[in-house]
């Protein structure tokens, strides 16, 4: 019930018009969804390590790292646009940036780039720029845990369905791996 009240507050008081404000408030309120995403991230770590080994990735950049449940991955760097999430993560080294604008890293600077439930929140006009930025920074592999396609469509007003395989195919020559 408490989580439901927080969600109603977010939807009707904070609203979705300012994504930065919305996500900062989500992290301040400590919604259950963020806790569950962190738990599921820890379970994924072995699978992500296997993918990184397969593609000979020595480092990983996580876009939208939140509380950074995967910070134990080899040479991990987290990026988030929520300063609250980054503070709560306890990371000593991170990037505070908006992936829809510019990732402040050189081209091909990370062997693997990981996105988990981030791209579905990016509106249609900004997704292509975001995919270009992720592709620019990734060297060998992009790992996505993202819904895509009509069968995985979300009904929430702040979620968008993108054709991610097609988008990445246009901008990234390395491996794009979708994980469940």
N, C-alpha and C. Protein backbone atom coordinates (compact mmCIF):
# COMPACT_ATOMS: atom_id res chain seq x y z
N UNK A 1 0.83 -1.20 0.00
CA UNK A 1 0.00 0.00 0.00
C UNK A 1 0.87 1.26 0.00
N UNK A 2 1.93 1.19 0.79
CA UNK A 2 2.84 2.34 0.90
C UNK A 2 3.48 2.64 -0.47
N UNK A 3 3.88 1.59 -1.19
CA UNK A 3 4.48 1.75 -2.51
C UNK A 3 3.46 2.34 -3.49
N UNK A 4 2.21 1.91 -3.39
CA UNK A 4 1.14 2.43 -4.26
C UNK A 4 0.95 3.93 -4.03
N UNK A 5 0.96 4.36 -2.78
CA UNK A 5 0.81 5.78 -2.48
C UNK A 5 1.96 6.60 -3.05
N UNK A 6 3.17 6.04 -2.96
CA UNK A 6 4.33 6.72 -3.54
C UNK A 6 4.17 6.86 -5.05
N UNK A 7 3.68 5.79 -5.70
CA UNK A 7 3.50 5.83 -7.15
C UNK A 7 2.44 6.86 -7.56
N UNK A 8 1.36 6.92 -6.80
CA UNK A 8 0.30 7.90 -7.08
C UNK A 8 0.85 9.31 -6.91
N UNK A 9 1.63 9.53 -5.86
CA UNK A 9 2.27 10.83 -5.64
C UNK A 9 3.15 11.19 -6.84
N UNK A 10 3.97 10.22 -7.27
CA UNK A 10 4.85 10.47 -8.42
C UNK A 10 4.07 10.83 -9.67
N UNK A 11 3.04 10.05 -9.94
CA UNK A 11 2.28 10.24 -11.18
C UNK A 11 1.52 11.57 -11.19
N UNK A 12 0.83 11.89 -10.11
CA UNK A 12 -0.05 13.05 -10.12
C UNK A 12 0.56 14.33 -9.55
N UNK A 13 1.57 14.23 -8.71
CA UNK A 13 2.17 15.43 -8.16
C UNK A 13 3.47 15.77 -8.89
N UNK A 14 4.36 14.80 -9.02
CA UNK A 14 5.63 15.04 -9.70
C UNK A 14 5.42 15.03 -11.20
N UNK A 15 4.72 14.02 -11.71
CA UNK A 15 4.42 13.92 -13.14
C UNK A 15 5.62 13.46 -13.95
N UNK A 16 5.37 13.21 -15.23
CA UNK A 16 6.40 12.67 -16.12
C UNK A 16 7.03 13.73 -17.02
N UNK A 17 6.58 14.96 -16.92
CA UNK A 17 7.06 15.98 -17.87
C UNK A 17 8.53 16.34 -17.69
N UNK A 18 9.06 16.16 -16.49
CA UNK A 18 10.48 16.42 -16.24
C UNK A 18 11.13 15.12 -15.78
N UNK A 19 11.73 14.36 -16.71
CA UNK A 19 12.30 13.06 -16.36
C UNK A 19 13.33 13.13 -15.24
N UNK A 20 14.14 14.16 -15.23
CA UNK A 20 15.17 14.30 -14.18
C UNK A 20 14.50 14.38 -12.81
N UNK A 21 13.54 15.24 -12.67
CA UNK A 21 12.82 15.41 -11.41
C UNK A 21 12.09 14.12 -11.02
N UNK A 22 11.47 13.48 -12.00
CA UNK A 22 10.73 12.24 -11.76
C UNK A 22 11.65 11.16 -11.18
N UNK A 23 12.80 10.93 -11.83
CA UNK A 23 13.69 9.86 -11.38
C UNK A 23 14.40 10.21 -10.08
N UNK A 24 14.75 11.45 -9.88
CA UNK A 24 15.33 11.85 -8.59
C UNK A 24 14.34 11.53 -7.46
N UNK A 25 13.08 11.86 -7.69
CA UNK A 25 12.06 11.62 -6.67
C UNK A 25 11.82 10.13 -6.47
N UNK A 26 11.84 9.35 -7.54
CA UNK A 26 11.69 7.89 -7.41
C UNK A 26 12.76 7.32 -6.49
N UNK A 27 14.00 7.77 -6.67
CA UNK A 27 15.08 7.27 -5.83
C UNK A 27 14.95 7.77 -4.40
N UNK A 28 14.53 9.02 -4.22
CA UNK A 28 14.34 9.54 -2.85
C UNK A 28 13.28 8.74 -2.10
N UNK A 29 12.20 8.38 -2.81
CA UNK A 29 11.10 7.66 -2.19
C UNK A 29 11.42 6.19 -1.94
N UNK A 30 12.46 5.68 -2.58
CA UNK A 30 12.85 4.28 -2.38
C UNK A 30 11.78 3.29 -2.83
N UNK A 31 11.29 3.46 -4.04
CA UNK A 31 10.24 2.58 -4.54
C UNK A 31 10.69 1.12 -4.60
N UNK A 32 9.77 0.24 -4.40
CA UNK A 32 10.01 -1.20 -4.42
C UNK A 32 10.60 -1.65 -5.76
N UNK A 33 10.20 -1.03 -6.85
CA UNK A 33 10.70 -1.42 -8.18
C UNK A 33 12.22 -1.29 -8.25
N UNK A 34 12.78 -0.26 -7.67
CA UNK A 34 14.22 -0.07 -7.68
C UNK A 34 14.92 -1.17 -6.88
N UNK A 35 14.33 -1.55 -5.76
CA UNK A 35 14.88 -2.61 -4.93
C UNK A 35 14.87 -3.93 -5.71
N UNK A 36 13.76 -4.23 -6.39
CA UNK A 36 13.64 -5.47 -7.16
C UNK A 36 14.61 -5.49 -8.34
N UNK A 37 14.79 -4.34 -9.01
CA UNK A 37 15.74 -4.26 -10.12
C UNK A 37 17.15 -4.54 -9.64
N UNK A 38 17.49 -4.04 -8.46
CA UNK A 38 18.81 -4.29 -7.89
C UNK A 38 18.99 -5.78 -7.59
N UNK A 39 17.97 -6.42 -7.02
CA UNK A 39 18.05 -7.86 -6.71
C UNK A 39 18.22 -8.67 -7.99
N UNK A 40 17.44 -8.34 -9.02
CA UNK A 40 17.53 -9.09 -10.27
C UNK A 40 18.90 -8.86 -10.93
N UNK A 41 19.49 -7.70 -10.73
CA UNK A 41 20.80 -7.41 -11.29
C UNK A 41 21.87 -8.31 -10.72
N UNK A 42 21.82 -8.52 -9.41
CA UNK A 42 22.81 -9.40 -8.76
C UNK A 42 22.72 -10.82 -9.32
N UNK A 43 21.49 -11.27 -9.61
CA UNK A 43 21.30 -12.62 -10.17
C UNK A 43 21.86 -12.71 -11.59
N UNK A 44 21.90 -11.60 -12.29
CA UNK A 44 22.38 -11.59 -13.68
C UNK A 44 23.89 -11.55 -13.80
N UNK A 45 24.58 -11.21 -12.76
CA UNK A 45 26.03 -11.01 -12.83
C UNK A 45 26.77 -12.18 -13.48
N UNK A 46 26.50 -13.45 -13.12
CA UNK A 46 27.23 -14.55 -13.77
C UNK A 46 26.99 -14.61 -15.28
N UNK A 47 25.75 -14.35 -15.68
CA UNK A 47 25.42 -14.36 -17.11
C UNK A 47 26.17 -13.25 -17.85
N UNK A 48 26.23 -12.08 -17.25
CA UNK A 48 26.93 -10.95 -17.88
C UNK A 48 28.42 -11.23 -17.94
N UNK A 49 28.96 -11.83 -16.88
CA UNK A 49 30.39 -12.21 -16.90
C UNK A 49 30.69 -13.17 -18.05
N UNK A 50 29.80 -14.15 -18.26
CA UNK A 50 30.00 -15.10 -19.37
C UNK A 50 29.99 -14.39 -20.71
N UNK A 51 29.08 -13.46 -20.89
CA UNK A 51 29.00 -12.70 -22.14
C UNK A 51 30.28 -11.88 -22.32
N UNK A 52 30.73 -11.27 -21.24
CA UNK A 52 31.96 -10.47 -21.32
C UNK A 52 33.16 -11.35 -21.68
N UNK A 53 33.25 -12.54 -21.08
CA UNK A 53 34.36 -13.45 -21.43
C UNK A 53 34.28 -13.88 -22.89
N UNK A 54 33.09 -14.22 -23.34
CA UNK A 54 32.90 -14.66 -24.72
C UNK A 54 33.39 -13.61 -25.72
N UNK A 55 33.13 -12.35 -25.41
CA UNK A 55 33.50 -11.25 -26.32
C UNK A 55 34.81 -10.58 -25.92
N UNK A 56 35.51 -11.20 -24.97
CA UNK A 56 36.82 -10.72 -24.51
C UNK A 56 36.77 -9.27 -24.02
N UNK A 57 35.77 -8.99 -23.21
CA UNK A 57 35.58 -7.65 -22.66
C UNK A 57 36.30 -7.54 -21.31
N UNK A 58 37.13 -6.54 -21.19
CA UNK A 58 37.90 -6.34 -19.96
C UNK A 58 37.27 -5.30 -19.03
N UNK A 59 36.30 -4.54 -19.54
CA UNK A 59 35.65 -3.52 -18.72
C UNK A 59 34.21 -3.34 -19.16
N UNK A 60 33.40 -2.71 -18.31
CA UNK A 60 31.99 -2.54 -18.61
C UNK A 60 31.50 -1.19 -18.08
N UNK A 61 30.71 -0.53 -18.89
CA UNK A 61 30.02 0.71 -18.51
C UNK A 61 28.54 0.38 -18.41
N UNK A 62 27.95 0.62 -17.23
CA UNK A 62 26.51 0.40 -17.08
C UNK A 62 25.78 1.73 -17.18
N UNK A 63 24.91 1.83 -18.18
CA UNK A 63 24.08 3.01 -18.38
C UNK A 63 22.85 2.88 -17.48
N UNK A 64 22.58 3.90 -16.68
CA UNK A 64 21.44 3.84 -15.76
C UNK A 64 21.71 2.86 -14.63
N UNK A 65 22.85 3.00 -14.01
CA UNK A 65 23.31 2.02 -13.01
C UNK A 65 22.47 2.02 -11.75
N UNK A 66 21.76 3.11 -11.44
CA UNK A 66 20.95 3.14 -10.23
C UNK A 66 21.79 2.85 -9.00
N UNK A 67 21.40 1.84 -8.23
CA UNK A 67 22.12 1.50 -7.00
C UNK A 67 23.35 0.65 -7.26
N UNK A 68 23.67 0.42 -8.53
CA UNK A 68 24.88 -0.30 -8.97
C UNK A 68 25.00 -1.71 -8.40
N UNK A 69 23.96 -2.55 -8.57
CA UNK A 69 24.05 -3.92 -8.05
C UNK A 69 25.10 -4.76 -8.79
N UNK A 70 25.54 -4.32 -9.95
CA UNK A 70 26.51 -5.07 -10.74
C UNK A 70 27.93 -4.51 -10.63
N UNK A 71 28.18 -3.72 -9.61
CA UNK A 71 29.48 -3.05 -9.49
C UNK A 71 30.65 -4.01 -9.31
N UNK A 72 30.38 -5.28 -9.05
CA UNK A 72 31.45 -6.28 -8.91
C UNK A 72 31.93 -6.81 -10.27
N UNK A 73 31.29 -6.39 -11.34
CA UNK A 73 31.75 -6.82 -12.66
C UNK A 73 33.15 -6.25 -12.91
N UNK A 74 33.94 -6.89 -13.78
CA UNK A 74 35.32 -6.44 -14.02
C UNK A 74 35.40 -5.00 -14.53
N UNK A 75 36.23 -4.20 -13.88
CA UNK A 75 36.48 -2.82 -14.28
C UNK A 75 35.18 -2.07 -14.60
N UNK A 76 34.31 -2.07 -13.62
CA UNK A 76 32.96 -1.52 -13.74
C UNK A 76 32.97 0.01 -13.60
N UNK A 77 32.17 0.67 -14.43
CA UNK A 77 31.89 2.10 -14.28
C UNK A 77 30.40 2.30 -14.45
N UNK A 78 29.77 2.98 -13.50
CA UNK A 78 28.34 3.25 -13.56
C UNK A 78 28.07 4.66 -14.04
N UNK A 79 27.01 4.81 -14.81
CA UNK A 79 26.55 6.11 -15.30
C UNK A 79 25.07 6.22 -14.99
N UNK A 80 24.67 7.35 -14.42
CA UNK A 80 23.25 7.60 -14.17
C UNK A 80 23.01 9.10 -14.22
N UNK A 81 21.78 9.50 -14.53
CA UNK A 81 21.50 10.93 -14.50
C UNK A 81 20.81 11.34 -13.21
N UNK A 82 20.64 10.39 -12.31
CA UNK A 82 20.09 10.71 -11.00
C UNK A 82 21.22 10.81 -9.98
N UNK A 83 21.43 12.00 -9.48
CA UNK A 83 22.47 12.18 -8.46
C UNK A 83 22.10 11.45 -7.17
N UNK A 84 20.80 11.33 -6.90
CA UNK A 84 20.34 10.61 -5.71
C UNK A 84 20.71 9.13 -5.83
N UNK A 85 20.46 8.54 -6.99
CA UNK A 85 20.81 7.13 -7.21
C UNK A 85 22.30 6.91 -7.06
N UNK A 86 23.09 7.80 -7.64
CA UNK A 86 24.55 7.67 -7.56
C UNK A 86 25.04 7.79 -6.12
N UNK A 87 24.47 8.70 -5.36
CA UNK A 87 24.83 8.86 -3.95
C UNK A 87 24.49 7.59 -3.18
N UNK A 88 23.30 7.05 -3.43
CA UNK A 88 22.87 5.84 -2.73
C UNK A 88 23.67 4.62 -3.15
N UNK A 89 24.24 4.64 -4.35
CA UNK A 89 24.97 3.48 -4.87
C UNK A 89 26.25 3.19 -4.09
N UNK A 90 26.85 4.22 -3.51
CA UNK A 90 28.10 4.04 -2.80
C UNK A 90 29.31 3.90 -3.71
N UNK A 91 29.13 4.09 -5.01
CA UNK A 91 30.25 3.99 -5.94
C UNK A 91 31.26 5.10 -5.67
N UNK A 92 32.51 4.76 -5.75
CA UNK A 92 33.59 5.76 -5.59
C UNK A 92 33.85 6.46 -6.93
N UNK A 93 33.63 5.72 -8.01
CA UNK A 93 33.89 6.24 -9.35
C UNK A 93 32.63 6.05 -10.19
N UNK A 94 32.11 7.13 -10.76
CA UNK A 94 30.90 7.06 -11.57
C UNK A 94 30.85 8.26 -12.50
N UNK A 95 29.88 8.23 -13.39
CA UNK A 95 29.64 9.38 -14.29
C UNK A 95 28.21 9.84 -14.07
N UNK A 96 28.06 11.12 -13.77
CA UNK A 96 26.74 11.72 -13.64
C UNK A 96 26.45 12.41 -14.98
N UNK A 97 25.59 11.78 -15.79
CA UNK A 97 25.31 12.31 -17.13
C UNK A 97 23.97 11.80 -17.63
N UNK A 98 23.44 12.50 -18.62
CA UNK A 98 22.21 12.11 -19.29
C UNK A 98 22.58 11.44 -20.61
N UNK A 99 22.31 10.16 -20.71
CA UNK A 99 22.70 9.38 -21.89
C UNK A 99 22.00 9.87 -23.16
N UNK A 100 20.90 10.59 -23.02
CA UNK A 100 20.21 11.10 -24.21
C UNK A 100 20.90 12.34 -24.78
N UNK A 101 21.85 12.88 -24.03
CA UNK A 101 22.59 14.06 -24.48
C UNK A 101 23.95 13.63 -25.03
N UNK A 102 24.88 13.37 -24.12
CA UNK A 102 26.24 12.98 -24.51
C UNK A 102 26.86 12.20 -23.36
N UNK A 103 27.52 11.11 -23.70
CA UNK A 103 28.26 10.36 -22.69
C UNK A 103 29.68 10.94 -22.69
N UNK A 104 30.13 11.48 -21.56
CA UNK A 104 31.43 12.15 -21.52
C UNK A 104 32.61 11.16 -21.48
N UNK A 105 32.69 10.35 -22.52
CA UNK A 105 33.78 9.39 -22.67
C UNK A 105 34.23 9.38 -24.13
N UNK A 106 35.47 9.00 -24.38
CA UNK A 106 35.94 8.92 -25.76
C UNK A 106 35.29 7.77 -26.53
N UNK A 107 35.38 7.82 -27.83
CA UNK A 107 34.87 6.74 -28.69
C UNK A 107 35.51 5.42 -28.31
N UNK A 108 34.72 4.35 -28.36
CA UNK A 108 35.19 2.98 -28.13
C UNK A 108 35.98 2.84 -26.83
N UNK A 109 35.56 3.53 -25.78
CA UNK A 109 36.31 3.53 -24.52
C UNK A 109 35.97 2.37 -23.59
N UNK A 110 34.85 1.68 -23.82
CA UNK A 110 34.47 0.54 -22.98
C UNK A 110 34.18 -0.67 -23.85
N UNK A 111 34.81 -1.80 -23.49
CA UNK A 111 34.61 -3.04 -24.25
C UNK A 111 33.14 -3.43 -24.28
N UNK A 112 32.49 -3.34 -23.12
CA UNK A 112 31.07 -3.70 -23.02
C UNK A 112 30.30 -2.52 -22.45
N UNK A 113 29.11 -2.31 -22.98
CA UNK A 113 28.18 -1.32 -22.42
C UNK A 113 26.89 -2.08 -22.09
N UNK A 114 26.41 -1.87 -20.88
CA UNK A 114 25.25 -2.58 -20.36
C UNK A 114 24.11 -1.60 -20.10
N UNK A 115 22.91 -1.96 -20.56
CA UNK A 115 21.69 -1.18 -20.26
C UNK A 115 20.63 -2.15 -19.77
N UNK A 116 20.09 -1.83 -18.60
CA UNK A 116 19.02 -2.65 -18.04
C UNK A 116 17.82 -1.76 -17.72
N UNK A 117 16.74 -1.93 -18.46
CA UNK A 117 15.50 -1.21 -18.23
C UNK A 117 15.70 0.30 -18.19
N UNK A 118 16.47 0.79 -19.16
CA UNK A 118 16.73 2.22 -19.29
C UNK A 118 16.09 2.74 -20.57
N UNK A 119 16.34 2.05 -21.66
CA UNK A 119 15.93 2.54 -22.98
C UNK A 119 14.41 2.62 -23.13
N UNK A 120 13.67 1.79 -22.40
CA UNK A 120 12.21 1.85 -22.50
C UNK A 120 11.66 3.16 -21.94
N UNK A 121 12.46 3.90 -21.18
CA UNK A 121 12.01 5.17 -20.60
C UNK A 121 12.39 6.37 -21.47
N UNK A 122 13.08 6.13 -22.57
CA UNK A 122 13.54 7.23 -23.41
C UNK A 122 12.51 7.48 -24.52
N UNK A 123 12.00 8.71 -24.60
CA UNK A 123 10.98 9.04 -25.60
C UNK A 123 11.49 8.87 -27.04
N UNK A 124 10.57 8.63 -27.95
CA UNK A 124 10.90 8.40 -29.36
C UNK A 124 11.83 9.46 -29.96
N UNK A 125 11.61 10.75 -29.72
CA UNK A 125 12.50 11.73 -30.36
C UNK A 125 13.96 11.67 -29.89
N UNK A 126 14.22 11.02 -28.75
CA UNK A 126 15.57 11.00 -28.19
C UNK A 126 16.27 9.64 -28.27
N UNK A 127 15.54 8.60 -28.71
CA UNK A 127 16.11 7.26 -28.68
C UNK A 127 17.24 7.09 -29.69
N UNK A 128 17.12 7.66 -30.87
CA UNK A 128 18.16 7.47 -31.89
C UNK A 128 19.48 8.09 -31.44
N UNK A 129 19.43 9.28 -30.88
CA UNK A 129 20.63 9.94 -30.35
C UNK A 129 21.24 9.09 -29.23
N UNK A 130 20.40 8.51 -28.39
CA UNK A 130 20.87 7.68 -27.29
C UNK A 130 21.57 6.43 -27.81
N UNK A 131 20.97 5.78 -28.78
CA UNK A 131 21.56 4.57 -29.37
C UNK A 131 22.90 4.92 -30.03
N UNK A 132 22.97 6.05 -30.70
CA UNK A 132 24.23 6.49 -31.32
C UNK A 132 25.32 6.68 -30.26
N UNK A 133 24.97 7.30 -29.14
CA UNK A 133 25.93 7.55 -28.07
C UNK A 133 26.43 6.25 -27.44
N UNK A 134 25.51 5.34 -27.16
CA UNK A 134 25.89 4.05 -26.59
C UNK A 134 26.81 3.31 -27.57
N UNK A 135 26.44 3.32 -28.84
CA UNK A 135 27.24 2.66 -29.87
C UNK A 135 28.61 3.30 -30.04
N UNK A 136 28.66 4.61 -29.87
CA UNK A 136 29.94 5.33 -30.00
C UNK A 136 30.93 4.92 -28.91
N UNK A 137 30.43 4.72 -27.70
CA UNK A 137 31.29 4.43 -26.55
C UNK A 137 31.65 2.93 -26.47
N UNK A 138 30.78 2.07 -27.00
CA UNK A 138 31.01 0.62 -26.94
C UNK A 138 32.05 0.18 -27.96
N UNK A 139 32.91 -0.72 -27.52
CA UNK A 139 33.98 -1.21 -28.40
C UNK A 139 33.65 -2.59 -28.98
N UNK A 140 33.24 -3.53 -28.13
CA UNK A 140 33.05 -4.90 -28.59
C UNK A 140 31.62 -5.42 -28.47
N UNK A 141 30.91 -4.97 -27.42
CA UNK A 141 29.65 -5.64 -27.10
C UNK A 141 28.70 -4.68 -26.38
N UNK A 142 27.44 -4.76 -26.73
CA UNK A 142 26.38 -4.04 -26.01
C UNK A 142 25.45 -5.10 -25.46
N UNK A 143 25.23 -5.05 -24.15
CA UNK A 143 24.38 -6.03 -23.47
C UNK A 143 23.11 -5.31 -23.03
N UNK A 144 21.96 -5.82 -23.48
CA UNK A 144 20.69 -5.15 -23.20
C UNK A 144 19.72 -6.08 -22.48
N UNK A 145 19.20 -5.60 -21.38
CA UNK A 145 18.05 -6.23 -20.74
C UNK A 145 16.94 -5.18 -20.85
N UNK A 146 16.32 -5.18 -21.99
CA UNK A 146 15.33 -4.17 -22.34
C UNK A 146 14.17 -4.83 -23.07
N UNK A 147 12.95 -4.46 -22.75
CA UNK A 147 11.84 -4.95 -23.55
C UNK A 147 11.82 -4.25 -24.91
N UNK A 148 11.43 -4.98 -25.92
CA UNK A 148 11.27 -4.37 -27.25
C UNK A 148 10.25 -5.19 -28.02
N UNK A 149 9.60 -4.56 -28.94
CA UNK A 149 8.57 -5.25 -29.73
C UNK A 149 7.21 -5.16 -29.07
N UNK A 150 6.21 -5.39 -29.87
CA UNK A 150 4.82 -5.24 -29.41
C UNK A 150 4.45 -6.20 -28.28
N UNK A 151 5.01 -7.42 -28.30
CA UNK A 151 4.64 -8.39 -27.27
C UNK A 151 5.16 -8.02 -25.89
N UNK A 152 6.11 -7.11 -25.82
CA UNK A 152 6.67 -6.69 -24.52
C UNK A 152 6.31 -5.24 -24.20
N UNK A 153 5.31 -4.73 -24.85
CA UNK A 153 4.93 -3.33 -24.70
C UNK A 153 4.46 -3.04 -23.27
N UNK A 154 4.87 -1.89 -22.76
CA UNK A 154 4.45 -1.43 -21.43
C UNK A 154 3.32 -0.42 -21.61
N UNK A 155 2.39 -0.41 -20.68
CA UNK A 155 1.25 0.50 -20.79
C UNK A 155 1.46 1.79 -19.99
N UNK A 156 2.56 1.90 -19.28
CA UNK A 156 2.79 3.09 -18.49
C UNK A 156 3.13 4.27 -19.41
N UNK A 157 2.68 5.48 -19.04
CA UNK A 157 2.91 6.63 -19.92
C UNK A 157 4.37 7.03 -20.07
N UNK A 158 5.24 6.58 -19.17
CA UNK A 158 6.64 6.94 -19.29
C UNK A 158 7.47 5.79 -19.89
N UNK A 159 6.81 4.82 -20.53
CA UNK A 159 7.51 3.72 -21.19
C UNK A 159 7.22 3.74 -22.69
N UNK A 160 8.24 3.43 -23.47
CA UNK A 160 8.15 3.49 -24.93
C UNK A 160 8.66 2.18 -25.52
N UNK A 161 8.04 1.75 -26.61
CA UNK A 161 8.45 0.53 -27.28
C UNK A 161 9.28 0.90 -28.50
N UNK A 162 10.56 0.53 -28.47
CA UNK A 162 11.48 0.83 -29.57
C UNK A 162 11.90 -0.46 -30.26
N UNK A 163 12.21 -0.37 -31.54
CA UNK A 163 12.75 -1.52 -32.27
C UNK A 163 14.26 -1.50 -32.06
N UNK A 164 14.70 -1.99 -30.93
CA UNK A 164 16.10 -1.90 -30.54
C UNK A 164 17.05 -2.68 -31.45
N UNK A 165 16.69 -3.90 -31.89
CA UNK A 165 17.62 -4.59 -32.80
C UNK A 165 17.91 -3.77 -34.06
N UNK A 166 16.87 -3.19 -34.63
CA UNK A 166 17.06 -2.38 -35.84
C UNK A 166 17.88 -1.12 -35.56
N UNK A 167 17.59 -0.45 -34.46
CA UNK A 167 18.31 0.78 -34.12
C UNK A 167 19.80 0.50 -33.93
N UNK A 168 20.13 -0.51 -33.15
CA UNK A 168 21.54 -0.80 -32.91
C UNK A 168 22.24 -1.33 -34.16
N UNK A 169 21.50 -2.05 -34.98
CA UNK A 169 22.07 -2.56 -36.24
C UNK A 169 22.55 -1.40 -37.11
N UNK A 170 21.86 -0.28 -37.04
CA UNK A 170 22.23 0.89 -37.85
C UNK A 170 23.48 1.60 -37.34
N UNK A 171 23.85 1.40 -36.07
CA UNK A 171 24.94 2.21 -35.50
C UNK A 171 26.09 1.42 -34.88
N UNK A 172 25.89 0.12 -34.64
CA UNK A 172 26.95 -0.63 -33.94
C UNK A 172 27.34 -1.87 -34.72
N UNK A 173 28.63 -2.03 -34.97
CA UNK A 173 29.13 -3.17 -35.73
C UNK A 173 29.46 -4.38 -34.86
N UNK A 174 29.61 -4.19 -33.57
CA UNK A 174 29.94 -5.30 -32.66
C UNK A 174 28.70 -6.12 -32.32
N UNK A 175 28.83 -6.93 -31.29
CA UNK A 175 27.74 -7.80 -30.86
C UNK A 175 26.73 -7.03 -30.00
N UNK A 176 25.46 -7.24 -30.27
CA UNK A 176 24.39 -6.72 -29.42
C UNK A 176 23.69 -7.95 -28.85
N UNK A 177 23.77 -8.10 -27.52
CA UNK A 177 23.25 -9.29 -26.86
C UNK A 177 22.07 -8.90 -25.98
N UNK A 178 20.93 -9.53 -26.24
CA UNK A 178 19.75 -9.32 -25.40
C UNK A 178 19.71 -10.43 -24.36
N UNK A 179 19.50 -10.05 -23.10
CA UNK A 179 19.38 -11.04 -22.03
C UNK A 179 18.02 -10.91 -21.38
N UNK A 180 17.55 -12.04 -20.85
CA UNK A 180 16.24 -12.05 -20.20
C UNK A 180 16.39 -11.80 -18.72
